């Protein structure tokens, strides 16, 4: 989900926020969103500007448990700054 874009003469900043859809469905207990962890990647320039991609990864907790849940999203491909599938997605014409 796209959240926000900011740009000025030197920097383009794009933020993606994970939807509030828990990775597991447990009908017995309530699953509560517990907030976000931000991951920021400095990427190649867009029209001569530094590009910052921020991913807001959501965490959940099953009621009555201490352990936090998160979706396993690979953001980068080994040896690069982005996951191959995500990089391919960004290259597609939409």
C-alpha atoms as a PDB file:
ATOM      1  CA  UNK A   1       0.000   0.000   0.000  1.00  0.00           C
ATOM      2  CA  UNK A   2       1.359   3.412  -0.930  1.00  0.00           C
ATOM      3  CA  UNK A   3       1.263   5.834   1.974  1.00  0.00           C
ATOM      4  CA  UNK A   4       3.091   9.013   1.045  1.00  0.00           C
ATOM      5  CA  UNK A   5       5.513  10.696  -1.295  1.00  0.00           C
ATOM      6  CA  UNK A   6       7.609  13.774  -0.563  1.00  0.00           C
ATOM      7  CA  UNK A   7      10.098  15.430  -2.862  1.00  0.00           C
ATOM      8  CA  UNK A   8      12.264  18.499  -3.041  1.00  0.00           C
ATOM      9  CA  UNK A   9      15.173  19.569  -5.263  1.00  0.00           C
ATOM     10  CA  UNK A  10      17.524  16.900  -3.868  1.00  0.00           C
ATOM     11  CA  UNK A  11      15.483  14.043  -2.316  1.00  0.00           C
ATOM     12  CA  UNK A  12      12.459  11.925  -3.264  1.00  0.00           C
ATOM     13  CA  UNK A  13      11.011  10.054  -0.285  1.00  0.00           C
ATOM     14  CA  UNK A  14       8.402   7.288  -0.777  1.00  0.00           C
ATOM     15  CA  UNK A  15       6.781   5.404   2.115  1.00  0.00           C
ATOM     16  CA  UNK A  16       4.959   2.060   1.840  1.00  0.00           C
ATOM     17  CA  UNK A  17       2.811   0.848   4.751  1.00  0.00           C
ATOM     18  CA  UNK A  18       1.809  -2.785   5.263  1.00  0.00           C
ATOM     19  CA  UNK A  19      -1.956  -3.321   5.438  1.00  0.00           C
ATOM     20  CA  UNK A  20      -3.533  -4.369   8.729  1.00  0.00           C
ATOM     21  CA  UNK A  21      -4.129  -7.965   7.627  1.00  0.00           C
ATOM     22  CA  UNK A  22      -2.569 -10.424  10.141  1.00  0.00           C
ATOM     23  CA  UNK A  23      -0.404 -13.210   8.674  1.00  0.00           C
ATOM     24  CA  UNK A  24      -2.458 -15.874  10.482  1.00  0.00           C
ATOM     25  CA  UNK A  25      -6.151 -16.173  11.182  1.00  0.00           C
ATOM     26  CA  UNK A  26      -6.946 -17.577  14.576  1.00  0.00           C
ATOM     27  CA  UNK A  27     -10.682 -17.557  15.240  1.00  0.00           C
ATOM     28  CA  UNK A  28     -10.205 -18.488  18.916  1.00  0.00           C
ATOM     29  CA  UNK A  29      -8.249 -15.425  20.011  1.00  0.00           C
ATOM     30  CA  UNK A  30      -8.105 -11.770  19.113  1.00  0.00           C
ATOM     31  CA  UNK A  31      -5.128 -10.550  17.042  1.00  0.00           C
ATOM     32  CA  UNK A  32      -4.052  -6.993  17.862  1.00  0.00           C
ATOM     33  CA  UNK A  33      -1.886  -4.680  15.744  1.00  0.00           C
ATOM     34  CA  UNK A  34       1.069  -3.534  17.887  1.00  0.00           C
ATOM     35  CA  UNK A  35       2.604  -0.894  15.619  1.00  0.00           C
ATOM     36  CA  UNK A  36       5.321  -0.597  13.007  1.00  0.00           C
ATOM     37  CA  UNK A  37       9.036  -0.936  12.397  1.00  0.00           C
ATOM     38  CA  UNK A  38      10.419   1.287   9.650  1.00  0.00           C
ATOM     39  CA  UNK A  39      13.054   0.090   7.192  1.00  0.00           C
ATOM     40  CA  UNK A  40      14.575   2.750   4.917  1.00  0.00           C
ATOM     41  CA  UNK A  41      16.575   1.963   1.798  1.00  0.00           C
ATOM     42  CA  UNK A  42      18.603   4.549  -0.105  1.00  0.00           C
ATOM     43  CA  UNK A  43      18.030   3.795  -3.766  1.00  0.00           C
ATOM     44  CA  UNK A  44      19.267   4.924  -7.164  1.00  0.00           C
ATOM     45  CA  UNK A  45      18.516   8.520  -8.145  1.00  0.00           C
ATOM     46  CA  UNK A  46      15.236   9.486  -9.782  1.00  0.00           C
ATOM     47  CA  UNK A  47      15.880  12.375 -12.173  1.00  0.00           C
ATOM     48  CA  UNK A  48      19.075  13.275 -10.347  1.00  0.00           C
ATOM     49  CA  UNK A  49      17.558  13.106  -6.857  1.00  0.00           C
ATOM     50  CA  UNK A  50      18.514  10.758  -4.019  1.00  0.00           C
ATOM     51  CA  UNK A  51      15.658   8.301  -3.419  1.00  0.00           C
ATOM     52  CA  UNK A  52      14.593   7.033   0.011  1.00  0.00           C
ATOM     53  CA  UNK A  53      12.193   4.070   0.106  1.00  0.00           C
ATOM     54  CA  UNK A  54      10.660   3.482   3.545  1.00  0.00           C
ATOM     55  CA  UNK A  55       8.745   0.304   4.349  1.00  0.00           C
ATOM     56  CA  UNK A  56       6.530   0.400   7.455  1.00  0.00           C
ATOM     57  CA  UNK A  57       6.316  -3.253   8.559  1.00  0.00           C
ATOM     58  CA  UNK A  58       3.458  -4.026  10.898  1.00  0.00           C
ATOM     59  CA  UNK A  59       3.621  -6.317  13.961  1.00  0.00           C
ATOM     60  CA  UNK A  60       0.728  -8.159  15.616  1.00  0.00           C
ATOM     61  CA  UNK A  61       0.173  -9.984  18.888  1.00  0.00           C
ATOM     62  CA  UNK A  62      -2.241 -12.819  19.608  1.00  0.00           C
ATOM     63  CA  UNK A  63      -4.194 -11.988  22.756  1.00  0.00           C
ATOM     64  CA  UNK A  64      -2.660 -13.764  25.760  1.00  0.00           C
ATOM     65  CA  UNK A  65       0.736 -14.440  24.117  1.00  0.00           C
ATOM     66  CA  UNK A  66       3.993 -12.508  24.470  1.00  0.00           C
ATOM     67  CA  UNK A  67       5.382 -13.382  21.039  1.00  0.00           C
ATOM     68  CA  UNK A  68       4.880 -10.848  18.231  1.00  0.00           C
ATOM     69  CA  UNK A  69       3.871 -11.914  14.726  1.00  0.00           C
ATOM     70  CA  UNK A  70       5.165 -10.420  11.500  1.00  0.00           C
ATOM     71  CA  UNK A  71       4.849 -11.316   7.843  1.00  0.00           C
ATOM     72  CA  UNK A  72       8.003 -12.722   6.235  1.00  0.00           C
ATOM     73  CA  UNK A  73       8.608 -10.153   3.491  1.00  0.00           C
ATOM     74  CA  UNK A  74      12.006 -10.249   1.832  1.00  0.00           C
ATOM     75  CA  UNK A  75      12.878  -6.682   0.931  1.00  0.00           C
ATOM     76  CA  UNK A  76      16.302  -7.254  -0.584  1.00  0.00           C
ATOM     77  CA  UNK A  77      17.975  -9.761  -2.889  1.00  0.00           C
ATOM     78  CA  UNK A  78      21.330 -11.148  -1.568  1.00  0.00           C
ATOM     79  CA  UNK A  79      24.158  -8.843  -2.652  1.00  0.00           C
ATOM     80  CA  UNK A  80      21.755  -6.017  -3.571  1.00  0.00           C
ATOM     81  CA  UNK A  81      19.592  -3.511  -1.781  1.00  0.00           C
ATOM     82  CA  UNK A  82      16.215  -4.804  -3.086  1.00  0.00           C
ATOM     83  CA  UNK A  83      14.470  -8.164  -3.282  1.00  0.00           C
ATOM     84  CA  UNK A  84      14.564  -9.374  -6.906  1.00  0.00           C
ATOM     85  CA  UNK A  85      10.763  -9.653  -7.244  1.00  0.00           C
ATOM     86  CA  UNK A  86      10.277  -6.165  -5.772  1.00  0.00           C
ATOM     87  CA  UNK A  87      12.929  -4.702  -8.093  1.00  0.00           C
ATOM     88  CA  UNK A  88      11.204  -6.390 -11.070  1.00  0.00           C
ATOM     89  CA  UNK A  89       7.862  -4.943  -9.899  1.00  0.00           C
ATOM     90  CA  UNK A  90       9.326  -1.427  -9.787  1.00  0.00           C
ATOM     91  CA  UNK A  91      10.665  -1.851 -13.348  1.00  0.00           C
ATOM     92  CA  UNK A  92       7.260  -2.846 -14.798  1.00  0.00           C
ATOM     93  CA  UNK A  93       5.200  -0.268 -16.685  1.00  0.00           C
ATOM     94  CA  UNK A  94       2.001   0.262 -14.744  1.00  0.00           C
END
